[in-house]
C-alpha atoms as a PDB file:
ATOM      1  CA  UNK A   1     -20.560  -0.740 -12.165  1.00  0.00           C
ATOM      2  CA  UNK A   2     -17.179   0.335 -10.837  1.00  0.00           C
ATOM      3  CA  UNK A   3     -16.608  -0.452  -7.169  1.00  0.00           C
ATOM      4  CA  UNK A   4     -14.384   1.571  -4.886  1.00  0.00           C
ATOM      5  CA  UNK A   5     -12.003  -0.828  -3.186  1.00  0.00           C
ATOM      6  CA  UNK A   6      -9.647   0.241  -0.401  1.00  0.00           C
ATOM      7  CA  UNK A   7      -6.723  -2.039   0.370  1.00  0.00           C
ATOM      8  CA  UNK A   8      -4.919  -1.424   3.640  1.00  0.00           C
ATOM      9  CA  UNK A   9      -1.376  -2.672   4.106  1.00  0.00           C
ATOM     10  CA  UNK A  10      -0.856  -3.052   7.872  1.00  0.00           C
ATOM     11  CA  UNK A  11       1.921  -5.647   8.031  1.00  0.00           C
ATOM     12  CA  UNK A  12       5.657  -5.512   7.418  1.00  0.00           C
ATOM     13  CA  UNK A  13       6.650  -6.664   3.926  1.00  0.00           C
ATOM     14  CA  UNK A  14       8.611  -9.769   4.875  1.00  0.00           C
ATOM     15  CA  UNK A  15       7.864 -12.580   7.279  1.00  0.00           C
ATOM     16  CA  UNK A  16       4.443 -13.297   5.821  1.00  0.00           C
ATOM     17  CA  UNK A  17       2.837 -13.263   2.383  1.00  0.00           C
ATOM     18  CA  UNK A  18       0.306 -10.566   3.320  1.00  0.00           C
ATOM     19  CA  UNK A  19       2.020  -7.724   1.454  1.00  0.00           C
ATOM     20  CA  UNK A  20       2.486  -9.741  -1.722  1.00  0.00           C
ATOM     21  CA  UNK A  21      -1.119 -10.963  -1.551  1.00  0.00           C
ATOM     22  CA  UNK A  22      -2.385  -7.402  -1.075  1.00  0.00           C
ATOM     23  CA  UNK A  23      -0.398  -6.143  -4.035  1.00  0.00           C
ATOM     24  CA  UNK A  24      -1.540  -9.049  -6.228  1.00  0.00           C
ATOM     25  CA  UNK A  25      -5.156  -8.380  -5.229  1.00  0.00           C
ATOM     26  CA  UNK A  26      -4.790  -4.667  -6.027  1.00  0.00           C
ATOM     27  CA  UNK A  27      -3.334  -5.303  -9.477  1.00  0.00           C
ATOM     28  CA  UNK A  28      -5.893  -7.996 -10.277  1.00  0.00           C
ATOM     29  CA  UNK A  29      -8.805  -5.805  -9.144  1.00  0.00           C
ATOM     30  CA  UNK A  30      -7.508  -2.917 -11.236  1.00  0.00           C
ATOM     31  CA  UNK A  31      -7.547  -5.101 -14.355  1.00  0.00           C
ATOM     32  CA  UNK A  32     -11.292  -5.469 -13.790  1.00  0.00           C
ATOM     33  CA  UNK A  33     -11.614  -1.683 -13.847  1.00  0.00           C
ATOM     34  CA  UNK A  34     -12.314  -1.245 -10.153  1.00  0.00           C
ATOM     35  CA  UNK A  35     -11.310   2.023  -8.463  1.00  0.00           C
ATOM     36  CA  UNK A  36      -8.468   0.988  -6.167  1.00  0.00           C
ATOM     37  CA  UNK A  37      -7.030   2.925  -3.227  1.00  0.00           C
ATOM     38  CA  UNK A  38      -3.972   1.685  -1.363  1.00  0.00           C
ATOM     39  CA  UNK A  39      -3.410   2.750   2.225  1.00  0.00           C
ATOM     40  CA  UNK A  40      -0.209   2.016   4.122  1.00  0.00           C
ATOM     41  CA  UNK A  41      -0.557   2.123   7.906  1.00  0.00           C
ATOM     42  CA  UNK A  42       1.091   0.680  11.002  1.00  0.00           C
ATOM     43  CA  UNK A  43       3.926  -1.711   9.999  1.00  0.00           C
ATOM     44  CA  UNK A  44       2.604  -1.530   6.436  1.00  0.00           C
ATOM     45  CA  UNK A  45       4.565   1.671   5.849  1.00  0.00           C
ATOM     46  CA  UNK A  46       7.698  -0.502   5.862  1.00  0.00           C
ATOM     47  CA  UNK A  47       6.629  -1.709   2.399  1.00  0.00           C
ATOM     48  CA  UNK A  48       7.566   1.779   1.206  1.00  0.00           C
ATOM     49  CA  UNK A  49      11.219   1.698   2.257  1.00  0.00           C
ATOM     50  CA  UNK A  50      13.402   1.657  -0.876  1.00  0.00           C
ATOM     51  CA  UNK A  51      16.313  -0.666  -1.651  1.00  0.00           C
ATOM     52  CA  UNK A  52      15.318  -3.553   0.576  1.00  0.00           C
ATOM     53  CA  UNK A  53      17.106  -6.882   0.099  1.00  0.00           C
ATOM     54  CA  UNK A  54      14.574  -9.565   1.036  1.00  0.00           C
ATOM     55  CA  UNK A  55      16.661 -12.180  -0.762  1.00  0.00           C
ATOM     56  CA  UNK A  56      19.038 -12.039   2.206  1.00  0.00           C
ATOM     57  CA  UNK A  57      16.366 -13.743   4.324  1.00  0.00           C
ATOM     58  CA  UNK A  58      15.144 -16.021   1.549  1.00  0.00           C
ATOM     59  CA  UNK A  59      12.121 -13.905   0.641  1.00  0.00           C
ATOM     60  CA  UNK A  60      11.093 -12.753  -2.819  1.00  0.00           C
ATOM     61  CA  UNK A  61      11.402  -9.104  -3.749  1.00  0.00           C
ATOM     62  CA  UNK A  62       7.875  -8.039  -4.670  1.00  0.00           C
ATOM     63  CA  UNK A  63       8.286  -4.415  -3.575  1.00  0.00           C
ATOM     64  CA  UNK A  64       9.572  -3.307  -6.987  1.00  0.00           C
ATOM     65  CA  UNK A  65       6.131  -4.206  -8.356  1.00  0.00           C
ATOM     66  CA  UNK A  66       4.672  -1.225  -6.461  1.00  0.00           C
ATOM     67  CA  UNK A  67       6.331   0.932  -9.129  1.00  0.00           C
ATOM     68  CA  UNK A  68       3.892  -0.611 -11.649  1.00  0.00           C
ATOM     69  CA  UNK A  69       0.834   0.920  -9.950  1.00  0.00           C
ATOM     70  CA  UNK A  70       0.486   3.743 -12.508  1.00  0.00           C
ATOM     71  CA  UNK A  71       0.402   1.167 -15.330  1.00  0.00           C
ATOM     72  CA  UNK A  72      -2.719  -0.270 -13.691  1.00  0.00           C
ATOM     73  CA  UNK A  73      -4.265   3.188 -13.209  1.00  0.00           C
ATOM     74  CA  UNK A  74      -3.871   2.900  -9.436  1.00  0.00           C
ATOM     75  CA  UNK A  75      -3.312   6.521  -8.531  1.00  0.00           C
ATOM     76  CA  UNK A  76      -4.872   6.763  -5.059  1.00  0.00           C
ATOM     77  CA  UNK A  77      -1.980   5.742  -2.820  1.00  0.00           C
ATOM     78  CA  UNK A  78      -1.790   6.985   0.759  1.00  0.00           C
ATOM     79  CA  UNK A  79       0.347   6.557   3.845  1.00  0.00           C
ATOM     80  CA  UNK A  80      -0.626   7.278   7.420  1.00  0.00           C
ATOM     81  CA  UNK A  81       1.220  10.312   8.779  1.00  0.00           C
ATOM     82  CA  UNK A  82       1.345   8.864  12.290  1.00  0.00           C
ATOM     83  CA  UNK A  83       2.710   5.507  11.069  1.00  0.00           C
ATOM     84  CA  UNK A  84       5.442   7.224   9.047  1.00  0.00           C
ATOM     85  CA  UNK A  85       6.368   9.249  12.134  1.00  0.00           C
ATOM     86  CA  UNK A  86       6.381   6.110  14.317  1.00  0.00           C
ATOM     87  CA  UNK A  87       8.988   4.536  12.007  1.00  0.00           C
ATOM     88  CA  UNK A  88      10.841   7.825  11.413  1.00  0.00           C
ATOM     89  CA  UNK A  89      10.209   7.669   7.671  1.00  0.00           C
ATOM     90  CA  UNK A  90      10.219  10.804   5.538  1.00  0.00           C
ATOM     91  CA  UNK A  91       7.783  11.068   2.628  1.00  0.00           C
ATOM     92  CA  UNK A  92      10.618  12.190   0.329  1.00  0.00           C
ATOM     93  CA  UNK A  93      12.560   8.971   1.026  1.00  0.00           C
ATOM     94  CA  UNK A  94       9.778   6.529   0.147  1.00  0.00           C
ATOM     95  CA  UNK A  95      10.008   4.149  -2.815  1.00  0.00           C
ATOM     96  CA  UNK A  96       6.838   5.371  -4.565  1.00  0.00           C
ATOM     97  CA  UNK A  97       4.979   8.677  -4.782  1.00  0.00           C
ATOM     98  CA  UNK A  98       1.945   8.952  -2.539  1.00  0.00           C
ATOM     99  CA  UNK A  99      -0.118  11.292  -0.394  1.00  0.00           C
ATOM    100  CA  UNK A 100       0.319  11.408   3.363  1.00  0.00           C
ATOM    101  CA  UNK A 101      -2.950  11.505   5.297  1.00  0.00           C
ATOM    102  CA  UNK A 102      -3.828  11.863   8.960  1.00  0.00           C
ATOM    103  CA  UNK A 103      -5.648   8.967  10.655  1.00  0.00           C
ATOM    104  CA  UNK A 104      -8.867  11.028  10.496  1.00  0.00           C
ATOM    105  CA  UNK A 105      -8.439  11.589   6.750  1.00  0.00           C
ATOM    106  CA  UNK A 106      -7.829   7.866   6.257  1.00  0.00           C
ATOM    107  CA  UNK A 107     -10.986   7.082   8.229  1.00  0.00           C
ATOM    108  CA  UNK A 108     -12.898   9.400   5.901  1.00  0.00           C
ATOM    109  CA  UNK A 109     -11.434   7.637   2.835  1.00  0.00           C
ATOM    110  CA  UNK A 110     -12.595   4.299   4.217  1.00  0.00           C
ATOM    111  CA  UNK A 111     -16.178   5.545   4.562  1.00  0.00           C
ATOM    112  CA  UNK A 112     -16.162   6.262   0.809  1.00  0.00           C
ATOM    113  CA  UNK A 113     -15.094   2.719  -0.135  1.00  0.00           C
ATOM    114  CA  UNK A 114     -17.560   0.040  -1.159  1.00  0.00           C
ATOM    115  CA  UNK A 115     -15.232  -2.659   0.182  1.00  0.00           C
ATOM    116  CA  UNK A 116     -12.172  -2.606   2.448  1.00  0.00           C
ATOM    117  CA  UNK A 117      -9.544  -5.337   2.546  1.00  0.00           C
ATOM    118  CA  UNK A 118      -6.731  -5.518   5.095  1.00  0.00           C
ATOM    119  CA  UNK A 119      -3.407  -7.193   4.406  1.00  0.00           C
END
């Protein structure tokens, strides 16, 4: 039976391995034919900023792997409207296509998930 898994990215992409671990978990879960939703909120929206250079601080660039989401049939990708506004990010300037949702809409998405993981 296919499970609905929501993965929330709440942390900035560099400085910890949380973002990379969340992405790895999403891709791995998708290979087992689970229905995956990705939600970027709080500092997690910083994962969506294009043309980052993490090598400059000795970190690996895993953000390009987000472009592979369609290859894994991960099509439900959302960002929190309020978080984007907090960081003055425009949807049109983000690295990957996604849907912007209000906090209330995100809360509703989470009620539909069988499991929720936060990274």
